[in-house]
Amino acid sequence: MNTRDEVRQMRIREWKKVFEDKAASGLSAKEYCQQNGIGKDQYFYWQKIVRESVLNEIKPNRFTELPVPVSSDMFVSITAPSPITITVGKGTKSVQDKESLKMVMEVLISAQ
């Protein structure tokens, strides 16, 4: 890895911490940015970069069990790349893009 890649990975790690802090704050992105002196465009730029970085870390056909305690006998797994397949219990759903995945995950989380 060259110096440029190392700097980029360092920034991604720093921004992951920012997004974790924002999530813990309960503030909207706009409020969080205003309170922390972060430009709105900068925030959303790095949000996109971090999301892409996380998705690139997912290996094809790699199964990940997610801690979504919907029920004690339910298993959740996700496979990637596109189409992304989500299995919850006996049901399976394939999605083609990140926005669909986000929507499905929000539904699963809200079902807790």
N, C-alpha and C. Protein backbone atom coordinates (compact mmCIF):
# COMPACT_ATOMS: atom_id res chain seq x y z
N MET A 1 0.85 -1.17 0.00
CA MET A 1 0.00 0.00 0.00
C MET A 1 0.89 1.23 0.00
N ASN A 2 0.63 2.16 -0.91
CA ASN A 2 1.46 3.36 -0.98
C ASN A 2 0.97 4.40 0.03
N THR A 3 1.72 5.48 0.16
CA THR A 3 1.42 6.52 1.14
C THR A 3 0.04 7.12 0.92
N ARG A 4 -0.32 7.33 -0.33
CA ARG A 4 -1.63 7.92 -0.63
C ARG A 4 -2.77 7.01 -0.14
N ASP A 5 -2.62 5.70 -0.37
CA ASP A 5 -3.63 4.74 0.09
C ASP A 5 -3.68 4.69 1.62
N GLU A 6 -2.52 4.77 2.25
CA GLU A 6 -2.47 4.76 3.72
C GLU A 6 -3.17 5.97 4.29
N VAL A 7 -2.95 7.14 3.69
CA VAL A 7 -3.61 8.36 4.16
C VAL A 7 -5.13 8.24 3.98
N ARG A 8 -5.55 7.71 2.85
CA ARG A 8 -6.98 7.54 2.59
C ARG A 8 -7.60 6.59 3.62
N GLN A 9 -6.93 5.47 3.91
CA GLN A 9 -7.45 4.53 4.91
C GLN A 9 -7.50 5.17 6.29
N MET A 10 -6.52 6.00 6.61
CA MET A 10 -6.52 6.70 7.88
C MET A 10 -7.72 7.64 7.97
N ARG A 11 -7.98 8.36 6.89
CA ARG A 11 -9.13 9.27 6.88
C ARG A 11 -10.45 8.51 6.97
N ILE A 12 -10.52 7.38 6.31
CA ILE A 12 -11.74 6.56 6.40
C ILE A 12 -11.96 6.12 7.85
N ARG A 13 -10.91 5.69 8.53
CA ARG A 13 -11.03 5.31 9.95
C ARG A 13 -11.49 6.49 10.80
N GLU A 14 -10.94 7.68 10.53
CA GLU A 14 -11.33 8.87 11.28
C GLU A 14 -12.80 9.21 11.05
N TRP A 15 -13.22 9.12 9.79
CA TRP A 15 -14.62 9.44 9.47
C TRP A 15 -15.57 8.39 10.00
N LYS A 16 -15.15 7.13 10.08
CA LYS A 16 -16.00 6.10 10.70
C LYS A 16 -16.31 6.50 12.14
N LYS A 17 -15.30 7.02 12.84
CA LYS A 17 -15.50 7.48 14.22
C LYS A 17 -16.48 8.64 14.27
N VAL A 18 -16.38 9.54 13.29
CA VAL A 18 -17.32 10.68 13.23
C VAL A 18 -18.74 10.15 13.06
N PHE A 19 -18.95 9.18 12.17
CA PHE A 19 -20.28 8.65 11.92
C PHE A 19 -20.81 7.88 13.12
N GLU A 20 -19.93 7.19 13.83
CA GLU A 20 -20.34 6.51 15.07
C GLU A 20 -20.76 7.52 16.12
N ASP A 21 -20.00 8.61 16.24
CA ASP A 21 -20.32 9.67 17.19
C ASP A 21 -21.64 10.33 16.84
N LYS A 22 -21.85 10.58 15.55
CA LYS A 22 -23.10 11.19 15.09
C LYS A 22 -24.28 10.29 15.43
N ALA A 23 -24.13 8.97 15.17
CA ALA A 23 -25.21 8.03 15.46
C ALA A 23 -25.53 8.01 16.96
N ALA A 24 -24.50 8.05 17.78
CA ALA A 24 -24.70 8.03 19.23
C ALA A 24 -25.32 9.33 19.74
N SER A 25 -25.12 10.43 19.00
CA SER A 25 -25.61 11.73 19.44
C SER A 25 -27.13 11.87 19.32
N GLY A 26 -27.73 11.13 18.39
CA GLY A 26 -29.17 11.25 18.16
C GLY A 26 -29.55 12.48 17.35
N LEU A 27 -28.56 13.22 16.90
CA LEU A 27 -28.81 14.43 16.11
C LEU A 27 -28.99 14.08 14.64
N SER A 28 -29.65 14.98 13.93
CA SER A 28 -29.70 14.82 12.47
C SER A 28 -28.32 15.15 11.93
N ALA A 29 -28.06 14.77 10.69
CA ALA A 29 -26.77 15.07 10.07
C ALA A 29 -26.54 16.58 10.06
N LYS A 30 -27.57 17.33 9.73
CA LYS A 30 -27.44 18.79 9.67
C LYS A 30 -27.07 19.37 11.04
N GLU A 31 -27.77 18.92 12.08
CA GLU A 31 -27.50 19.42 13.43
C GLU A 31 -26.09 19.02 13.88
N TYR A 32 -25.73 17.77 13.61
CA TYR A 32 -24.41 17.29 14.02
C TYR A 32 -23.31 18.10 13.33
N CYS A 33 -23.47 18.32 12.03
CA CYS A 33 -22.46 19.07 11.29
C CYS A 33 -22.33 20.49 11.83
N GLN A 34 -23.47 21.13 12.10
CA GLN A 34 -23.43 22.50 12.62
C GLN A 34 -22.73 22.55 13.98
N GLN A 35 -23.05 21.60 14.86
CA GLN A 35 -22.47 21.60 16.21
C GLN A 35 -20.98 21.24 16.21
N ASN A 36 -20.53 20.55 15.17
CA ASN A 36 -19.13 20.09 15.15
C ASN A 36 -18.28 20.77 14.09
N GLY A 37 -18.81 21.81 13.47
CA GLY A 37 -18.04 22.56 12.49
C GLY A 37 -17.64 21.78 11.26
N ILE A 38 -18.52 20.88 10.84
CA ILE A 38 -18.26 20.06 9.66
C ILE A 38 -19.14 20.56 8.53
N GLY A 39 -18.55 20.75 7.37
CA GLY A 39 -19.32 21.16 6.20
C GLY A 39 -20.25 20.04 5.76
N LYS A 40 -21.49 20.41 5.40
CA LYS A 40 -22.49 19.43 4.98
C LYS A 40 -21.98 18.60 3.79
N ASP A 41 -21.40 19.28 2.80
CA ASP A 41 -20.90 18.57 1.62
C ASP A 41 -19.77 17.61 1.98
N GLN A 42 -18.89 18.05 2.87
CA GLN A 42 -17.78 17.21 3.32
C GLN A 42 -18.32 15.97 4.05
N TYR A 43 -19.31 16.17 4.91
CA TYR A 43 -19.91 15.07 5.66
C TYR A 43 -20.47 14.02 4.71
N PHE A 44 -21.28 14.43 3.74
CA PHE A 44 -21.92 13.47 2.84
C PHE A 44 -20.93 12.85 1.85
N TYR A 45 -19.89 13.61 1.49
CA TYR A 45 -18.84 13.04 0.63
C TYR A 45 -18.19 11.86 1.35
N TRP A 46 -17.76 12.08 2.60
CA TRP A 46 -17.08 11.03 3.34
C TRP A 46 -18.03 9.91 3.73
N GLN A 47 -19.29 10.21 3.93
CA GLN A 47 -20.26 9.16 4.21
C GLN A 47 -20.32 8.18 3.02
N LYS A 48 -20.33 8.73 1.82
CA LYS A 48 -20.35 7.90 0.61
C LYS A 48 -19.05 7.08 0.52
N ILE A 49 -17.92 7.71 0.76
CA ILE A 49 -16.63 7.02 0.68
C ILE A 49 -16.56 5.89 1.71
N VAL A 50 -16.99 6.14 2.93
CA VAL A 50 -16.93 5.12 3.98
C VAL A 50 -17.88 3.97 3.65
N ARG A 51 -19.08 4.28 3.17
CA ARG A 51 -20.02 3.22 2.80
C ARG A 51 -19.43 2.34 1.70
N GLU A 52 -18.84 2.95 0.69
CA GLU A 52 -18.24 2.18 -0.40
C GLU A 52 -17.09 1.33 0.12
N SER A 53 -16.31 1.88 1.03
CA SER A 53 -15.19 1.14 1.61
C SER A 53 -15.69 -0.09 2.36
N VAL A 54 -16.75 0.08 3.14
CA VAL A 54 -17.31 -1.04 3.89
C VAL A 54 -17.86 -2.09 2.94
N LEU A 55 -18.59 -1.66 1.91
CA LEU A 55 -19.14 -2.62 0.95
C LEU A 55 -18.04 -3.34 0.18
N ASN A 56 -16.93 -2.66 -0.09
CA ASN A 56 -15.82 -3.31 -0.80
C ASN A 56 -15.11 -4.35 0.06
N GLU A 57 -15.26 -4.22 1.38
CA GLU A 57 -14.65 -5.19 2.28
C GLU A 57 -15.42 -6.51 2.30
N ILE A 58 -16.69 -6.46 1.88
CA ILE A 58 -17.50 -7.67 1.86
C ILE A 58 -17.05 -8.53 0.69
N LYS A 59 -16.66 -9.73 0.99
CA LYS A 59 -16.19 -10.65 -0.05
C LYS A 59 -17.38 -11.37 -0.68
N PRO A 60 -17.28 -11.73 -1.97
CA PRO A 60 -18.36 -12.47 -2.62
C PRO A 60 -18.67 -13.78 -1.89
N ASN A 61 -19.96 -14.05 -1.78
CA ASN A 61 -20.45 -15.28 -1.15
C ASN A 61 -19.99 -15.46 0.29
N ARG A 62 -19.71 -14.37 0.94
CA ARG A 62 -19.35 -14.43 2.34
C ARG A 62 -20.61 -14.21 3.17
N PHE A 63 -20.88 -15.08 4.09
CA PHE A 63 -22.07 -14.97 4.91
C PHE A 63 -21.73 -14.25 6.20
N THR A 64 -22.61 -13.36 6.61
CA THR A 64 -22.42 -12.63 7.84
C THR A 64 -23.69 -12.72 8.66
N GLU A 65 -23.56 -13.20 9.87
CA GLU A 65 -24.71 -13.21 10.75
C GLU A 65 -24.79 -11.87 11.43
N LEU A 66 -25.94 -11.23 11.35
CA LEU A 66 -26.13 -9.91 11.93
C LEU A 66 -26.85 -10.03 13.26
N PRO A 67 -26.48 -9.21 14.23
CA PRO A 67 -27.16 -9.25 15.52
C PRO A 67 -28.49 -8.50 15.48
N VAL A 68 -29.47 -9.11 14.84
CA VAL A 68 -30.81 -8.50 14.75
C VAL A 68 -31.74 -9.41 15.54
N PRO A 69 -31.94 -9.10 16.83
CA PRO A 69 -32.72 -10.00 17.68
C PRO A 69 -34.23 -9.86 17.44
N VAL A 70 -34.68 -10.28 16.26
CA VAL A 70 -36.10 -10.24 15.95
C VAL A 70 -36.80 -11.34 16.73
N SER A 71 -36.19 -12.49 16.77
CA SER A 71 -36.73 -13.62 17.52
C SER A 71 -35.58 -14.58 17.79
N SER A 72 -35.68 -15.33 18.86
CA SER A 72 -34.55 -16.18 19.25
C SER A 72 -34.27 -17.29 18.24
N ASP A 73 -35.24 -17.66 17.41
CA ASP A 73 -35.02 -18.74 16.46
C ASP A 73 -34.82 -18.24 15.04
N MET A 74 -34.50 -16.96 14.87
CA MET A 74 -34.36 -16.38 13.53
C MET A 74 -32.89 -16.14 13.22
N PHE A 75 -32.48 -16.49 12.02
CA PHE A 75 -31.12 -16.31 11.54
C PHE A 75 -31.13 -15.32 10.40
N VAL A 76 -30.19 -14.37 10.41
CA VAL A 76 -30.09 -13.36 9.36
C VAL A 76 -28.73 -13.51 8.70
N SER A 77 -28.71 -13.55 7.36
CA SER A 77 -27.43 -13.57 6.65
C SER A 77 -27.54 -12.71 5.41
N ILE A 78 -26.40 -12.21 4.97
CA ILE A 78 -26.33 -11.37 3.78
C ILE A 78 -25.20 -11.89 2.92
N THR A 79 -25.43 -12.02 1.61
CA THR A 79 -24.36 -12.37 0.69
C THR A 79 -24.20 -11.24 -0.30
N ALA A 80 -23.01 -11.09 -0.81
CA ALA A 80 -22.72 -10.03 -1.77
C ALA A 80 -21.76 -10.60 -2.79
N PRO A 81 -21.44 -10.03 -3.87
CA PRO A 81 -21.89 -8.74 -4.38
C PRO A 81 -23.26 -8.84 -5.03
N SER A 82 -23.53 -7.88 -5.89
CA SER A 82 -24.85 -7.74 -6.48
C SER A 82 -25.23 -8.98 -7.26
N PRO A 83 -26.45 -9.47 -7.15
CA PRO A 83 -27.45 -8.93 -6.24
C PRO A 83 -27.13 -9.35 -4.80
N ILE A 84 -27.44 -8.49 -3.87
CA ILE A 84 -27.24 -8.79 -2.47
C ILE A 84 -28.44 -9.61 -2.01
N THR A 85 -28.18 -10.74 -1.40
CA THR A 85 -29.25 -11.63 -0.94
C THR A 85 -29.33 -11.58 0.57
N ILE A 86 -30.52 -11.33 1.08
CA ILE A 86 -30.75 -11.25 2.52
C ILE A 86 -31.68 -12.39 2.89
N THR A 87 -31.28 -13.18 3.87
CA THR A 87 -32.11 -14.28 4.34
C THR A 87 -32.43 -14.04 5.80
N VAL A 88 -33.72 -14.04 6.12
CA VAL A 88 -34.17 -13.90 7.49
C VAL A 88 -35.09 -15.08 7.77
N GLY A 89 -34.67 -15.93 8.70
CA GLY A 89 -35.46 -17.12 8.95
C GLY A 89 -35.55 -17.95 7.68
N LYS A 90 -36.78 -18.20 7.23
CA LYS A 90 -36.99 -18.99 6.01
C LYS A 90 -37.19 -18.11 4.79
N GLY A 91 -37.25 -16.80 4.95
CA GLY A 91 -37.48 -15.89 3.83
C GLY A 91 -36.19 -15.36 3.24
N THR A 92 -36.17 -15.18 1.92
CA THR A 92 -35.00 -14.66 1.22
C THR A 92 -35.44 -13.53 0.31
N LYS A 93 -34.65 -12.47 0.26
CA LYS A 93 -34.92 -11.32 -0.60
C LYS A 93 -33.61 -10.90 -1.24
N SER A 94 -33.65 -10.66 -2.56
CA SER A 94 -32.47 -10.15 -3.28
C SER A 94 -32.70 -8.70 -3.62
N VAL A 95 -31.67 -7.90 -3.44
CA VAL A 95 -31.74 -6.47 -3.79
C VAL A 95 -30.56 -6.15 -4.69
N GLN A 96 -30.76 -5.19 -5.59
CA GLN A 96 -29.75 -4.87 -6.58
C GLN A 96 -28.83 -3.72 -6.17
N ASP A 97 -29.26 -2.88 -5.24
CA ASP A 97 -28.47 -1.68 -4.95
C ASP A 97 -28.40 -1.41 -3.45
N LYS A 98 -27.50 -0.50 -3.09
CA LYS A 98 -27.26 -0.19 -1.69
C LYS A 98 -28.48 0.45 -1.02
N GLU A 99 -29.24 1.26 -1.74
CA GLU A 99 -30.41 1.91 -1.15
C GLU A 99 -31.47 0.88 -0.77
N SER A 100 -31.67 -0.12 -1.62
CA SER A 100 -32.63 -1.18 -1.29
C SER A 100 -32.15 -1.95 -0.07
N LEU A 101 -30.84 -2.24 0.00
CA LEU A 101 -30.29 -2.93 1.15
C LEU A 101 -30.52 -2.11 2.42
N LYS A 102 -30.27 -0.82 2.33
CA LYS A 102 -30.47 0.06 3.48
C LYS A 102 -31.93 0.00 3.95
N MET A 103 -32.87 0.04 3.01
CA MET A 103 -34.28 0.01 3.35
C MET A 103 -34.63 -1.31 4.04
N VAL A 104 -34.16 -2.42 3.51
CA VAL A 104 -34.45 -3.72 4.09
C VAL A 104 -33.87 -3.81 5.50
N MET A 105 -32.64 -3.34 5.68
CA MET A 105 -32.02 -3.39 7.01
C MET A 105 -32.77 -2.51 8.00
N GLU A 106 -33.26 -1.34 7.57
CA GLU A 106 -34.04 -0.49 8.47
C GLU A 106 -35.32 -1.19 8.89
N VAL A 107 -35.96 -1.91 7.98
CA VAL A 107 -37.18 -2.66 8.32
C VAL A 107 -36.85 -3.74 9.33
N LEU A 108 -35.75 -4.48 9.10
CA LEU A 108 -35.37 -5.53 10.03
C LEU A 108 -35.07 -4.98 11.42
N ILE A 109 -34.36 -3.87 11.47
CA ILE A 109 -33.99 -3.27 12.75
C ILE A 109 -35.23 -2.76 13.47
N SER A 110 -36.16 -2.15 12.73
CA SER A 110 -37.36 -1.61 13.37
C SER A 110 -38.29 -2.72 13.86
N ALA A 111 -38.11 -3.95 13.35
CA ALA A 111 -38.96 -5.07 13.76
C ALA A 111 -38.54 -5.65 15.11
N GLN A 112 -37.47 -5.14 15.69
CA GLN A 112 -36.98 -5.67 16.96
C GLN A 112 -38.01 -5.53 18.05
